[in-house]
C-alpha atoms as a PDB file:
ATOM      1  CA  UNK A   1      67.924 100.903  50.081  1.00  0.00           C
ATOM      2  CA  UNK A   2      68.195 100.951  53.886  1.00  0.00           C
ATOM      3  CA  UNK A   3      71.963 101.475  53.760  1.00  0.00           C
ATOM      4  CA  UNK A   4      71.476 104.415  51.393  1.00  0.00           C
ATOM      5  CA  UNK A   5      68.962 106.014  53.780  1.00  0.00           C
ATOM      6  CA  UNK A   6      71.369 105.514  56.702  1.00  0.00           C
ATOM      7  CA  UNK A   7      74.182 107.142  54.746  1.00  0.00           C
ATOM      8  CA  UNK A   8      71.854 109.981  53.769  1.00  0.00           C
ATOM      9  CA  UNK A   9      71.098 110.778  57.404  1.00  0.00           C
ATOM     10  CA  UNK A  10      74.772 110.549  58.361  1.00  0.00           C
ATOM     11  CA  UNK A  11      75.518 113.065  55.612  1.00  0.00           C
ATOM     12  CA  UNK A  12      72.659 115.265  56.868  1.00  0.00           C
ATOM     13  CA  UNK A  13      74.143 115.304  60.373  1.00  0.00           C
ATOM     14  CA  UNK A  14      77.516 116.160  58.847  1.00  0.00           C
ATOM     15  CA  UNK A  15      76.032 119.160  57.028  1.00  0.00           C
ATOM     16  CA  UNK A  16      74.119 120.319  60.122  1.00  0.00           C
ATOM     17  CA  UNK A  17      77.488 121.221  61.665  1.00  0.00           C
ATOM     18  CA  UNK A  18      77.331 124.442  59.651  1.00  0.00           C
ATOM     19  CA  UNK A  19      74.792 125.894  62.077  1.00  0.00           C
ATOM     20  CA  UNK A  20      76.163 126.910  65.462  1.00  0.00           C
ATOM     21  CA  UNK A  21      73.193 125.571  67.440  1.00  0.00           C
ATOM     22  CA  UNK A  22      73.625 122.086  65.941  1.00  0.00           C
ATOM     23  CA  UNK A  23      77.430 121.937  65.896  1.00  0.00           C
ATOM     24  CA  UNK A  24      77.857 121.295  69.635  1.00  0.00           C
ATOM     25  CA  UNK A  25      75.411 118.399  69.570  1.00  0.00           C
ATOM     26  CA  UNK A  26      76.888 116.875  66.423  1.00  0.00           C
ATOM     27  CA  UNK A  27      80.383 117.064  67.938  1.00  0.00           C
ATOM     28  CA  UNK A  28      79.103 115.499  71.163  1.00  0.00           C
ATOM     29  CA  UNK A  29      77.493 112.598  69.272  1.00  0.00           C
ATOM     30  CA  UNK A  30      80.626 112.027  67.200  1.00  0.00           C
ATOM     31  CA  UNK A  31      82.813 111.991  70.332  1.00  0.00           C
ATOM     32  CA  UNK A  32      80.477 109.512  72.026  1.00  0.00           C
ATOM     33  CA  UNK A  33      80.613 107.226  68.988  1.00  0.00           C
ATOM     34  CA  UNK A  34      84.425 107.433  68.972  1.00  0.00           C
ATOM     35  CA  UNK A  35      84.640 106.648  72.709  1.00  0.00           C
ATOM     36  CA  UNK A  36      82.191 103.752  72.574  1.00  0.00           C
ATOM     37  CA  UNK A  37      84.387 101.763  70.161  1.00  0.00           C
ATOM     38  CA  UNK A  38      86.548 100.290  72.934  1.00  0.00           C
ATOM     39  CA  UNK A  39      83.481  99.334  74.981  1.00  0.00           C
ATOM     40  CA  UNK A  40      81.880  97.721  71.925  1.00  0.00           C
ATOM     41  CA  UNK A  41      84.989  95.630  71.294  1.00  0.00           C
ATOM     42  CA  UNK A  42      85.097  94.480  74.922  1.00  0.00           C
ATOM     43  CA  UNK A  43      81.366  93.692  74.864  1.00  0.00           C
ATOM     44  CA  UNK A  44      81.758  91.656  71.676  1.00  0.00           C
ATOM     45  CA  UNK A  45      84.692  89.708  73.151  1.00  0.00           C
ATOM     46  CA  UNK A  46      82.670  88.878  76.274  1.00  0.00           C
ATOM     47  CA  UNK A  47      79.707  87.814  74.145  1.00  0.00           C
ATOM     48  CA  UNK A  48      81.975  85.709  71.956  1.00  0.00           C
ATOM     49  CA  UNK A  49      83.405  83.986  75.050  1.00  0.00           C
ATOM     50  CA  UNK A  50      79.956  83.109  76.375  1.00  0.00           C
ATOM     51  CA  UNK A  51      78.863  82.052  72.894  1.00  0.00           C
ATOM     52  CA  UNK A  52      81.853  79.716  72.696  1.00  0.00           C
ATOM     53  CA  UNK A  53      80.867  78.163  76.028  1.00  0.00           C
ATOM     54  CA  UNK A  54      77.284  77.741  74.824  1.00  0.00           C
ATOM     55  CA  UNK A  55      78.460  76.126  71.578  1.00  0.00           C
ATOM     56  CA  UNK A  56      80.548  73.578  73.482  1.00  0.00           C
ATOM     57  CA  UNK A  57      77.665  72.782  75.842  1.00  0.00           C
ATOM     58  CA  UNK A  58      75.238  72.552  72.931  1.00  0.00           C
ATOM     59  CA  UNK A  59      77.522  70.253  70.912  1.00  0.00           C
ATOM     60  CA  UNK A  60      77.967  67.969  73.935  1.00  0.00           C
ATOM     61  CA  UNK A  61      74.213  67.791  74.462  1.00  0.00           C
ATOM     62  CA  UNK A  62      73.599  66.963  70.792  1.00  0.00           C
ATOM     63  CA  UNK A  63      76.270  64.216  70.884  1.00  0.00           C
ATOM     64  CA  UNK A  64      74.589  62.716  73.979  1.00  0.00           C
ATOM     65  CA  UNK A  65      71.243  62.668  72.192  1.00  0.00           C
ATOM     66  CA  UNK A  66      69.461  65.305  74.287  1.00  0.00           C
ATOM     67  CA  UNK A  67      67.765  68.491  73.128  1.00  0.00           C
ATOM     68  CA  UNK A  68      69.663  71.571  72.043  1.00  0.00           C
ATOM     69  CA  UNK A  69      70.401  74.328  74.562  1.00  0.00           C
ATOM     70  CA  UNK A  70      69.106  77.090  72.309  1.00  0.00           C
ATOM     71  CA  UNK A  71      66.763  77.401  69.365  1.00  0.00           C
ATOM     72  CA  UNK A  72      67.903  77.676  65.785  1.00  0.00           C
ATOM     73  CA  UNK A  73      67.789  81.385  64.912  1.00  0.00           C
ATOM     74  CA  UNK A  74      69.691  81.638  61.633  1.00  0.00           C
ATOM     75  CA  UNK A  75      70.781  78.090  60.833  1.00  0.00           C
ATOM     76  CA  UNK A  76      74.503  78.527  61.580  1.00  0.00           C
ATOM     77  CA  UNK A  77      75.820  77.311  64.934  1.00  0.00           C
ATOM     78  CA  UNK A  78      78.234  80.136  65.836  1.00  0.00           C
ATOM     79  CA  UNK A  79      75.709  82.833  64.942  1.00  0.00           C
ATOM     80  CA  UNK A  80      73.000  81.010  66.908  1.00  0.00           C
ATOM     81  CA  UNK A  81      75.290  80.824  69.940  1.00  0.00           C
ATOM     82  CA  UNK A  82      76.191  84.521  69.660  1.00  0.00           C
ATOM     83  CA  UNK A  83      72.535  85.532  69.438  1.00  0.00           C
ATOM     84  CA  UNK A  84      71.703  83.280  72.386  1.00  0.00           C
ATOM     85  CA  UNK A  85      74.527  84.795  74.482  1.00  0.00           C
ATOM     86  CA  UNK A  86      73.316  88.312  73.611  1.00  0.00           C
ATOM     87  CA  UNK A  87      69.704  87.512  74.474  1.00  0.00           C
ATOM     88  CA  UNK A  88      70.759  85.841  77.723  1.00  0.00           C
ATOM     89  CA  UNK A  89      72.751  88.967  78.600  1.00  0.00           C
ATOM     90  CA  UNK A  90      69.592  91.007  78.078  1.00  0.00           C
ATOM     91  CA  UNK A  91      67.719  88.774  80.529  1.00  0.00           C
ATOM     92  CA  UNK A  92      65.972  86.354  78.179  1.00  0.00           C
ATOM     93  CA  UNK A  93      65.950  82.767  79.417  1.00  0.00           C
END
């Protein structure tokens, strides 16, 4: 249901281009989304690198019998490390 609502609003913004007052803003938003793709890819690669480091550190700590570096968010190690790297980048310790 949520995906359908998202697609509905995307379609609404597409149809709002008909009106001159909305068309400049819709074009501006679409250009920003197109330009942010490269930044998003670079951000994901940096997060993946830090997540890989955190996974290695976490696996070494578990093998040595000490506590885990991060909490279990979703139950899958790589996803947990990626979430931990993202939260650490936001300033969460």
